[in-house]
Amino acid sequence: MSAAARTEPSWLDARLPCWRTPQPQAGLFVVVDPAADLWWAEQTLAGDDTELLVWISTGVQPERTGLQVAQRHGVRAVSLAPARHDLRRLRTALQLAYRLRNAPG
């Protein structure tokens, strides 16, 4: 029995500018349903008709903001993003969070 090939979401493409440009302040990368109300998102970074990758700055309490955002309707994955760091490493963390959302148990 062979496993079906898993295709990566378009927002995970390492060639996108959002993964090559460090953010000036700490924040969150959030994967969200495009039909969700996004009044809280500061910027849409990438996406397609099934999911969007958005940015929100967190201020001085990134963990608290992350927990609050993770509970919003339509949010599928969240990853903290430190200011001025190489964001390519965060792709892996966000990818893991995205995959775990459908994990059994």
Protein backbone atom coordinates (compact mmCIF):
# COMPACT_ATOMS: atom_id res chain seq x y z
CA MET A 1 0.00 0.00 0.00
CA SER A 2 1.47 3.36 -0.93
CA ALA A 3 0.74 6.64 0.78
CA ALA A 4 -0.82 9.40 -1.26
CA ALA A 5 1.60 12.17 -2.18
CA ARG A 6 1.10 15.17 0.05
CA THR A 7 1.17 18.49 -1.73
CA GLU A 8 2.23 21.51 0.24
CA PRO A 9 -0.08 24.51 0.54
CA SER A 10 0.81 27.39 -1.77
CA TRP A 11 1.52 29.69 1.19
CA LEU A 12 4.44 27.44 2.23
CA ASP A 13 6.38 28.14 -0.97
CA ALA A 14 9.85 29.29 0.16
CA ARG A 15 10.10 31.58 -2.87
CA LEU A 16 7.36 33.87 -1.55
CA PRO A 17 8.60 37.26 -0.33
CA CYS A 18 6.97 36.80 3.08
CA TRP A 19 9.50 34.06 3.93
CA ARG A 20 12.54 36.05 2.77
CA THR A 21 11.76 39.38 4.42
CA PRO A 22 12.23 39.59 8.21
CA GLN A 23 9.46 41.41 10.02
CA PRO A 24 10.51 44.54 11.94
CA GLN A 25 8.54 43.52 15.02
CA ALA A 26 7.43 40.30 16.72
CA GLY A 27 4.20 38.83 15.51
CA LEU A 28 2.26 35.82 14.30
CA PHE A 29 1.94 33.98 11.06
CA VAL A 30 -1.63 32.70 10.90
CA VAL A 31 -3.22 30.28 8.43
CA VAL A 32 -6.89 31.04 8.12
CA ASP A 33 -9.95 30.14 6.08
CA PRO A 34 -10.46 32.83 3.43
CA ALA A 35 -14.16 33.04 4.31
CA ALA A 36 -13.39 34.02 7.92
CA ASP A 37 -13.73 37.59 9.13
CA LEU A 38 -10.18 38.98 9.05
CA TRP A 39 -10.68 42.36 10.70
CA TRP A 40 -7.88 41.49 13.15
CA ALA A 41 -5.27 40.60 10.50
CA GLU A 42 -2.83 43.36 9.61
CA GLN A 43 -1.62 41.99 6.30
CA THR A 44 -2.40 39.14 3.93
CA LEU A 45 0.93 37.61 2.92
CA ALA A 46 -0.07 34.75 0.62
CA GLY A 47 -2.87 32.36 -0.12
CA ASP A 48 -5.31 30.86 -2.53
CA ASP A 49 -9.01 30.02 -2.59
CA THR A 50 -8.65 27.48 0.25
CA GLU A 51 -6.38 29.25 2.78
CA LEU A 52 -4.69 32.53 3.51
CA LEU A 53 -1.46 33.30 5.33
CA VAL A 54 -1.82 36.52 7.32
CA TRP A 55 0.37 38.58 9.63
CA ILE A 56 -0.48 40.20 12.93
CA SER A 57 1.98 42.00 15.21
CA THR A 58 1.84 40.92 18.84
CA GLY A 59 3.37 43.71 20.87
CA VAL A 60 4.88 42.80 24.24
CA GLN A 61 2.75 39.68 24.92
CA PRO A 62 3.21 37.39 21.91
CA GLU A 63 2.14 34.18 23.66
CA ARG A 64 -1.10 35.69 24.94
CA THR A 65 -1.91 37.18 21.54
CA GLY A 66 -1.12 33.84 19.90
CA LEU A 67 -3.52 31.98 22.18
CA GLN A 68 -6.27 34.52 21.54
CA VAL A 69 -5.80 34.39 17.77
CA ALA A 70 -5.72 30.57 17.75
CA GLN A 71 -9.27 30.58 19.15
CA ARG A 72 -10.71 32.80 16.41
CA HIS A 73 -13.17 31.31 13.95
CA GLY A 74 -11.46 30.00 10.81
CA VAL A 75 -7.91 29.89 12.19
CA ARG A 76 -6.15 26.69 11.15
CA ALA A 77 -2.56 27.23 12.38
CA VAL A 78 -0.51 29.84 14.26
CA SER A 79 3.24 30.35 14.66
CA LEU A 80 5.09 32.97 16.68
CA ALA A 81 7.53 35.04 14.62
CA PRO A 82 10.34 36.89 16.42
CA ALA A 83 11.36 40.27 15.05
CA ARG A 84 14.22 40.48 12.55
CA HIS A 85 14.84 36.71 12.31
CA ASP A 86 15.21 34.41 9.33
CA LEU A 87 11.62 33.43 8.69
CA ARG A 88 12.46 30.37 6.62
CA ARG A 89 12.88 28.43 9.88
CA LEU A 90 9.34 29.35 10.88
CA ARG A 91 7.95 27.65 7.80
CA THR A 92 8.64 24.30 9.46
CA ALA A 93 6.91 25.27 12.71
CA LEU A 94 3.87 26.57 10.84
CA GLN A 95 3.80 23.49 8.63
CA LEU A 96 3.81 21.25 11.73
CA ALA A 97 1.01 23.23 13.38
CA TYR A 98 -0.98 23.03 10.16
CA ARG A 99 -0.56 19.26 9.90
CA LEU A 100 -1.38 18.69 13.57
CA ARG A 101 -4.76 20.39 13.25
CA ASN A 102 -6.15 17.24 11.64
CA ALA A 103 -4.15 14.70 13.64
CA PRO A 104 -6.27 12.11 15.41
CA GLY A 105 -6.40 12.12 19.19
